[in-house]
Amino acid sequence: MELVCLGISHHDAHVSVRERLALSPGEIERALGWLRDRAGLSGAAILSTCNRAEFYAVAEPATDFRGMLGGLFDMLRRPSPHEIGQLRSLVGAEVVAHLFRVAAGLDSMVVGETEILGQVKQAYEESHRAGAACKVLHRLFQSAFRAAKEVRHRTEVTRGGVSVAAVAVELAEKIFGSLAACRVVLIGAGDTGEKTAKAMFSRGLRGAVVTNRTFERAVELADRLGGTAVPLSEWRWELLFADIVVVATSAEQAVVREEELGDVLRRRGRRPLFLIDLSVPRGIDPGMARHDEVYLYNVDDLQGIADQHLAIRRSAVASAEEILGRHAAEFSAWREAERRRREGGGWGAVGPGQ
């Protein structure tokens, strides 16, 4: 059995391609169940974020994992074979090095961001719950977590505003200056939306309107932030008074659609409107950018600011790479010992203590 990974990220694909491969939590659960039952695989995990879609497996050497993913997406009624064909392939030690860099935030659009570690942990937990975390995957992911933790504690690679939320707020300040006088509408009350709102409040924002598919979650977040919650069906009229709209949802289709907002945009006159789309699939219709006073930025548009952060962190990245290399060598030594003992991990659930 060998480690394999097929994936795509912000390094090699525009958001318009990545969004066609992004899976919702429900789809991930179905996908892991489907992969668990495939001959030739003994384990699988899926990492799906706004910047990457990656499929990890422990497979027989002769297994056509790309073809298998084609069957998976057929089952999910998702992308054409063309998108599957764009997934880059990693095998063996390449998979180990890659996952460690991802977990430590070194492969992120914003180098050093800390949200990705939580997303990698979630990918492992989803695999574990689905009964798809075999012994090798368990050891691989636990090793990645330890490596990322050491990088965070022993280097300055995460110093400064390195999260996607922080970069989005920095961009807002470049447009408006102080956020104190701005009116913000936040669509999406999940982790990304909350971190973005908190980052704005830390930079002077005084209030926000929060909406979400589940209204109760919008109310909970608005209460924590000192903002106001509105039902998702009513948020469009908030656009009349908004300066900034942040969309951070996991919806399969855009929630901000140009054809529904023509009257509201006309009533706004020539007041500028700043739209930040942190969703994949995209939550804002790209056609919104055609309007003169609308400034639309998606996750790919944050790359320029991310590059500035990278320049400051180059020396810290070098130290982090050394730490990851040591952890990767330790994992490889364990893997070789396992091969010598001819032990394999089945599909049975494996917990952190095993």
Protein backbone atom coordinates (compact mmCIF):
# COMPACT_ATOMS: atom_id res chain seq x y z
CA MET A 1 0.00 0.00 0.00
CA GLU A 2 1.23 3.53 -0.74
CA LEU A 3 0.22 7.06 0.16
CA VAL A 4 -1.32 9.02 -2.71
CA CYS A 5 -2.80 12.49 -2.99
CA LEU A 6 -4.64 14.13 -5.87
CA GLY A 7 -5.32 17.81 -5.38
CA ILE A 8 -5.67 21.32 -6.68
CA SER A 9 -5.06 24.64 -4.92
CA HIS A 10 -4.68 28.38 -5.39
CA HIS A 11 -1.17 27.69 -6.72
CA ASP A 12 -2.40 26.08 -9.92
CA ALA A 13 -6.08 26.91 -10.44
CA HIS A 14 -8.34 29.95 -10.43
CA VAL A 15 -11.26 30.00 -7.99
CA SER A 16 -13.60 29.32 -10.94
CA VAL A 17 -11.98 25.87 -11.24
CA ARG A 18 -11.57 25.20 -7.51
CA GLU A 19 -15.20 25.92 -6.76
CA ARG A 20 -16.30 23.10 -9.08
CA LEU A 21 -14.29 20.66 -6.95
CA ALA A 22 -15.25 22.04 -3.53
CA LEU A 23 -17.40 19.66 -1.49
CA SER A 24 -19.99 20.53 1.14
CA PRO A 25 -19.86 18.73 4.53
CA GLY A 26 -22.70 16.46 3.41
CA GLU A 27 -20.90 15.61 0.19
CA ILE A 28 -17.68 14.85 2.07
CA GLU A 29 -19.55 12.41 4.31
CA ARG A 30 -21.07 10.67 1.27
CA ALA A 31 -17.74 10.68 -0.56
CA LEU A 32 -15.83 9.09 2.32
CA GLY A 33 -18.47 6.38 2.62
CA TRP A 34 -18.20 5.71 -1.11
CA LEU A 35 -14.38 5.60 -1.06
CA ARG A 36 -14.41 3.37 2.01
CA ASP A 37 -16.16 0.68 -0.03
CA ARG A 38 -13.76 0.76 -3.00
CA ALA A 39 -11.44 -2.16 -3.58
CA GLY A 40 -7.76 -1.19 -3.62
CA LEU A 41 -8.07 1.49 -0.90
CA SER A 42 -7.48 0.98 2.80
CA GLY A 43 -7.99 4.61 3.87
CA ALA A 44 -9.09 8.01 2.59
CA ALA A 45 -9.43 11.63 3.72
CA ILE A 46 -10.70 14.77 1.98
CA LEU A 47 -9.48 18.33 2.59
CA SER A 48 -11.84 20.87 1.02
CA THR A 49 -11.28 24.58 1.78
CA CYS A 50 -11.68 27.87 -0.08
CA ASN A 51 -8.15 27.50 -1.47
CA ARG A 52 -7.77 23.76 -2.08
CA ALA A 53 -9.48 20.46 -2.81
CA GLU A 54 -7.25 17.48 -1.91
CA PHE A 55 -8.00 13.77 -1.80
CA TYR A 56 -5.68 11.56 0.28
CA ALA A 57 -5.64 7.77 0.21
CA VAL A 58 -3.68 4.69 1.17
CA ALA A 59 -3.96 2.55 -1.95
CA GLU A 60 -2.63 -0.53 -3.70
CA PRO A 61 0.12 0.55 -6.15
CA ALA A 62 -1.94 -0.52 -9.17
CA THR A 63 -5.05 1.43 -8.10
CA ASP A 64 -6.25 4.09 -10.54
CA PHE A 65 -7.10 6.70 -7.92
CA ARG A 66 -7.79 9.40 -10.52
CA GLY A 67 -10.25 7.15 -12.29
CA MET A 68 -11.79 6.32 -8.92
CA LEU A 69 -12.31 10.03 -8.19
CA GLY A 70 -13.96 10.37 -11.58
CA GLY A 71 -16.45 7.73 -10.44
CA LEU A 72 -16.87 9.52 -7.12
CA PHE A 73 -17.77 12.82 -8.77
CA ASP A 74 -20.12 11.03 -11.16
CA MET A 75 -21.88 9.67 -8.09
CA LEU A 76 -22.04 13.19 -6.62
CA ARG A 77 -23.15 14.57 -10.03
CA ARG A 78 -20.32 17.06 -9.94
CA PRO A 79 -17.48 18.17 -12.31
CA SER A 80 -16.58 16.88 -15.73
CA PRO A 81 -13.52 14.64 -16.25
CA HIS A 82 -11.62 17.77 -17.35
CA GLU A 83 -11.54 19.14 -13.78
CA ILE A 84 -10.53 15.74 -12.40
CA GLY A 85 -7.74 15.65 -14.99
CA GLN A 86 -6.30 18.91 -13.62
CA LEU A 87 -5.66 17.44 -10.18
CA ARG A 88 -1.93 17.16 -9.56
CA SER A 89 -0.63 13.84 -8.26
CA LEU A 90 1.66 13.16 -5.30
CA VAL A 91 2.93 9.77 -4.12
CA GLY A 92 4.75 8.49 -1.02
CA ALA A 93 7.16 10.96 0.59
CA GLU A 94 5.74 13.77 -1.58
CA VAL A 95 2.38 13.32 0.16
CA VAL A 96 3.99 13.48 3.60
CA ALA A 97 5.98 16.64 2.83
CA HIS A 98 2.95 18.30 1.24
CA LEU A 99 0.48 17.59 4.06
CA PHE A 100 3.00 18.79 6.66
CA ARG A 101 3.49 22.07 4.77
CA VAL A 102 -0.27 22.50 4.40
CA ALA A 103 -0.95 21.89 8.11
CA ALA A 104 1.80 24.33 9.12
CA GLY A 105 0.41 27.07 6.87
CA LEU A 106 3.44 27.13 4.56
CA ASP A 107 1.42 26.20 1.47
CA SER A 108 -1.36 28.72 2.13
CA MET A 109 -2.19 31.77 0.05
CA VAL A 110 -1.35 33.77 3.18
CA VAL A 111 1.80 32.03 4.42
CA GLY A 112 1.60 31.31 8.14
CA GLU A 113 -2.19 31.50 8.44
CA THR A 114 -3.48 29.44 11.34
CA GLU A 115 -7.00 28.51 10.16
CA ILE A 116 -5.73 25.75 7.89
CA LEU A 117 -4.56 23.59 10.81
CA GLY A 118 -8.12 23.47 12.13
CA GLN A 119 -9.35 22.55 8.65
CA VAL A 120 -6.81 19.72 8.37
CA LYS A 121 -7.89 18.45 11.81
CA GLN A 122 -11.49 18.57 10.66
CA ALA A 123 -10.60 16.54 7.53
CA TYR A 124 -9.04 13.85 9.74
CA GLU A 125 -12.02 13.84 12.13
CA GLU A 126 -14.44 13.46 9.21
CA SER A 127 -12.41 10.52 7.92
CA HIS A 128 -12.35 8.99 11.40
CA ARG A 129 -16.13 9.36 11.83
CA ALA A 130 -16.71 7.74 8.43
CA GLY A 131 -14.55 4.75 9.39
CA ALA A 132 -12.06 5.68 6.67
CA ALA A 133 -9.04 6.60 8.82
CA CYS A 134 -6.75 3.60 8.56
CA LYS A 135 -3.63 3.18 10.71
CA VAL A 136 -1.31 4.87 8.20
CA LEU A 137 -3.57 7.89 7.72
CA HIS A 138 -4.01 8.21 11.47
CA ARG A 139 -0.24 8.31 11.99
CA LEU A 140 0.25 10.66 9.01
CA PHE A 141 -2.26 13.25 10.22
CA GLN A 142 -1.21 13.06 13.87
CA SER A 143 2.40 13.60 12.79
CA ALA A 144 1.29 16.60 10.70
CA PHE A 145 -0.47 18.10 13.74
CA ARG A 146 2.62 17.72 15.92
CA ALA A 147 4.85 19.24 13.24
CA ALA A 148 2.52 22.20 12.74
CA LYS A 149 2.32 22.82 16.48
CA GLU A 150 6.11 22.92 16.76
CA VAL A 151 6.35 25.32 13.81
CA ARG A 152 3.82 27.62 15.49
CA HIS A 153 5.61 27.57 18.83
CA ARG A 154 9.24 27.71 17.69
CA THR A 155 9.13 30.10 14.71
CA GLU A 156 7.56 33.45 13.88
CA VAL A 157 5.94 32.22 10.68
CA THR A 158 2.47 33.04 12.05
CA ARG A 159 3.42 36.50 13.33
CA GLY A 160 1.22 39.40 12.22
CA GLY A 161 -2.04 39.49 10.27
CA VAL A 162 -1.77 36.24 8.38
CA SER A 163 -5.32 34.87 8.25
CA VAL A 164 -7.60 35.32 5.27
CA ALA A 165 -9.86 37.37 7.52
CA ALA A 166 -7.01 39.71 8.50
CA VAL A 167 -5.98 40.22 4.88
CA ALA A 168 -9.58 40.98 3.89
CA VAL A 169 -9.79 43.62 6.62
CA GLU A 170 -6.47 45.11 5.54
CA LEU A 171 -7.86 45.44 2.03
CA ALA A 172 -11.00 47.12 3.36
CA GLU A 173 -8.86 49.66 5.18
CA LYS A 174 -6.99 50.45 1.97
CA ILE A 175 -10.34 51.37 0.38
CA PHE A 176 -12.12 53.17 3.25
CA GLY A 177 -9.37 54.15 5.68
CA SER A 178 -10.90 53.85 9.15
CA LEU A 179 -13.66 51.25 9.48
CA ALA A 180 -15.32 53.19 12.33
CA ALA A 181 -17.83 54.90 10.05
CA CYS A 182 -18.47 51.88 7.83
CA ARG A 183 -21.62 49.79 7.78
CA VAL A 184 -20.88 46.10 7.25
CA VAL A 185 -23.19 43.30 6.19
CA LEU A 186 -21.87 39.81 6.94
CA ILE A 187 -23.47 36.94 5.04
CA GLY A 188 -22.50 33.67 6.73
CA ALA A 189 -22.18 33.05 10.47
CA GLY A 190 -19.59 30.26 10.29
CA ASP A 191 -15.99 30.29 11.44
CA THR A 192 -14.61 32.37 8.54
CA GLY A 193 -17.40 34.94 8.80
CA GLU A 194 -16.96 35.29 12.56
CA LYS A 195 -13.17 35.69 12.33
CA THR A 196 -13.58 38.33 9.63
CA ALA A 197 -16.09 40.26 11.71
CA LYS A 198 -13.91 40.07 14.81
CA ALA A 199 -10.91 41.28 12.80
CA MET A 200 -12.97 44.27 11.63
CA PHE A 201 -14.12 45.09 15.17
CA SER A 202 -10.49 44.99 16.30
CA ARG A 203 -9.76 47.67 13.68
CA GLY A 204 -12.51 50.09 14.73
CA LEU A 205 -15.78 48.71 13.35
CA ARG A 206 -18.67 49.58 15.67
CA GLY A 207 -21.50 47.42 14.37
CA ALA A 208 -22.52 44.87 11.76
CA VAL A 209 -25.60 43.27 10.27
CA VAL A 210 -25.36 39.47 10.25
CA THR A 211 -27.44 37.08 8.15
CA ASN A 212 -27.23 33.33 7.72
CA ARG A 213 -29.22 30.46 6.24
CA THR A 214 -29.96 29.35 9.82
CA PHE A 215 -31.30 32.49 11.46
CA GLU A 216 -30.55 31.28 15.00
CA ARG A 217 -26.83 31.18 14.19
CA ALA A 218 -27.01 34.73 12.81
CA VAL A 219 -28.64 35.85 16.08
CA GLU A 220 -25.99 34.09 18.18
CA LEU A 221 -23.12 35.70 16.26
CA ALA A 222 -24.77 39.14 16.20
CA ASP A 223 -25.22 38.93 19.99
CA ARG A 224 -21.55 38.07 20.48
CA LEU A 225 -20.46 40.92 18.23
CA GLY A 226 -22.95 43.51 19.40
CA GLY A 227 -24.52 43.60 15.94
CA THR A 228 -27.97 43.03 14.44
CA ALA A 229 -29.30 39.84 12.85
CA VAL A 230 -31.69 39.76 9.87
CA PRO A 231 -33.23 36.77 8.06
CA LEU A 232 -31.47 35.71 4.86
CA SER A 233 -34.60 36.62 2.88
CA GLU A 234 -34.34 40.27 3.97
CA TRP A 235 -30.62 41.07 3.74
CA ARG A 236 -30.88 42.65 0.26
CA TRP A 237 -32.47 45.81 1.62
CA GLU A 238 -29.55 46.18 4.02
CA LEU A 239 -27.48 46.73 0.88
CA LEU A 240 -29.05 50.19 0.57
CA PHE A 241 -27.01 51.37 3.56
CA ALA A 242 -23.97 49.05 3.43
CA ASP A 243 -20.41 50.09 2.67
CA ILE A 244 -18.88 46.60 2.90
CA VAL A 245 -20.46 43.20 2.29
CA VAL A 246 -18.53 40.08 3.37
CA VAL A 247 -19.79 36.75 2.05
CA ALA A 248 -18.42 33.63 3.75
CA THR A 249 -20.85 30.78 3.10
CA SER A 250 -20.71 27.16 2.00
CA ALA A 251 -23.71 27.51 -0.33
CA GLU A 252 -23.48 25.70 -3.65
CA GLN A 253 -24.70 28.78 -5.55
CA ALA A 254 -24.07 32.51 -5.28
CA VAL A 255 -26.17 34.24 -2.63
CA VAL A 256 -25.43 37.72 -4.01
CA ARG A 257 -26.86 37.68 -7.53
CA GLU A 258 -26.72 40.64 -9.88
CA GLU A 259 -30.18 40.07 -11.39
CA GLU A 260 -31.81 40.38 -7.96
CA LEU A 261 -30.08 43.60 -6.93
CA GLY A 262 -30.61 45.98 -9.84
CA ASP A 263 -33.20 48.14 -8.03
CA VAL A 264 -31.14 48.31 -4.82
CA LEU A 265 -27.98 49.30 -6.73
CA ARG A 266 -29.85 52.07 -8.57
CA ARG A 267 -31.18 53.45 -5.29
CA ARG A 268 -27.66 53.56 -3.83
CA GLY A 269 -26.61 56.11 -6.42
CA ARG A 270 -22.85 56.57 -6.75
CA ARG A 271 -21.85 55.44 -3.25
CA PRO A 272 -19.00 52.88 -3.42
CA LEU A 273 -19.74 49.32 -2.36
CA PHE A 274 -16.91 46.96 -1.39
CA LEU A 275 -17.69 43.24 -1.78
CA ILE A 276 -15.39 40.62 -0.21
CA ASP A 277 -16.13 37.06 -1.34
CA LEU A 278 -14.43 34.51 0.92
CA SER A 279 -16.60 31.62 -0.27
CA VAL A 280 -15.74 28.64 -2.46
CA PRO A 281 -17.89 28.03 -4.44
CA ARG A 282 -18.07 31.79 -4.95
CA GLY A 283 -20.87 33.45 -3.00
CA ILE A 284 -21.03 36.61 -5.13
CA ASP A 285 -22.01 36.71 -8.80
CA PRO A 286 -18.89 37.93 -10.70
CA GLY A 287 -21.24 40.10 -12.78
CA MET A 288 -21.51 42.46 -9.81
CA ALA A 289 -18.08 43.82 -10.75
CA ARG A 290 -19.55 45.38 -13.91
CA HIS A 291 -21.15 48.17 -11.90
CA ASP A 292 -19.03 51.32 -11.70
CA GLU A 293 -19.24 51.85 -7.95
CA VAL A 294 -18.89 48.17 -6.98
CA TYR A 295 -15.45 46.79 -6.01
CA LEU A 296 -15.45 42.99 -5.88
CA TYR A 297 -12.59 40.90 -4.49
CA ASN A 298 -12.55 37.11 -4.15
CA VAL A 299 -10.08 34.82 -2.38
CA ASP A 300 -7.67 34.85 -5.33
CA ASP A 301 -7.54 38.65 -5.28
CA LEU A 302 -5.98 38.50 -1.82
CA GLN A 303 -2.79 37.01 -3.25
CA GLY A 304 -1.04 40.37 -3.69
CA ILE A 305 -1.30 41.22 0.01
CA ALA A 306 -0.34 37.65 0.89
CA ASP A 307 2.87 38.04 -1.13
CA GLN A 308 3.80 41.09 0.94
CA HIS A 309 3.41 39.04 4.12
CA LEU A 310 5.55 36.30 2.64
CA ALA A 311 8.47 38.69 2.09
CA ILE A 312 8.61 39.45 5.82
CA ARG A 313 8.49 35.81 6.80
CA ARG A 314 11.11 34.24 4.56
CA SER A 315 13.62 33.55 7.33
CA ALA A 316 10.91 32.07 9.57
CA VAL A 317 9.77 29.84 6.70
CA ALA A 318 13.29 28.40 6.37
CA SER A 319 13.29 27.43 10.07
CA ALA A 320 9.81 25.95 9.71
CA GLU A 321 10.93 23.82 6.74
CA GLU A 322 13.72 22.32 8.87
CA ILE A 323 11.23 21.35 11.57
CA LEU A 324 8.88 19.78 9.04
CA GLY A 325 11.75 17.85 7.47
CA ARG A 326 12.62 16.29 10.81
CA HIS A 327 9.02 15.24 11.45
CA ALA A 328 8.74 13.84 7.93
CA ALA A 329 11.86 11.73 8.49
CA GLU A 330 10.37 10.38 11.73
CA PHE A 331 7.17 9.42 9.92
CA SER A 332 9.14 7.73 7.13
CA ALA A 333 11.09 5.71 9.70
CA TRP A 334 7.85 4.57 11.31
CA ARG A 335 6.41 3.66 7.89
CA GLU A 336 9.48 1.61 7.01
CA ALA A 337 9.28 -0.24 10.33
CA GLU A 338 5.62 -0.99 9.61
CA ARG A 339 6.50 -2.37 6.18
CA ARG A 340 9.13 -4.61 7.70
CA ARG A 341 6.62 -5.99 10.16
CA ARG A 342 4.14 -6.49 7.29
CA GLU A 343 1.38 -4.79 9.24
CA GLY A 344 -1.47 -3.01 7.40
CA GLY A 345 -4.24 -0.74 8.66
CA GLY A 346 -7.81 -1.75 7.79
CA TRP A 347 -10.89 0.44 7.50
CA GLY A 348 -11.71 0.06 11.18
CA ALA A 349 -12.04 3.26 13.15
CA VAL A 350 -8.77 4.48 14.61
CA GLY A 351 -8.77 6.93 17.49
CA PRO A 352 -6.12 9.43 18.60
CA GLY A 353 -5.10 7.19 21.48
CA GLN A 354 -4.51 4.09 19.34
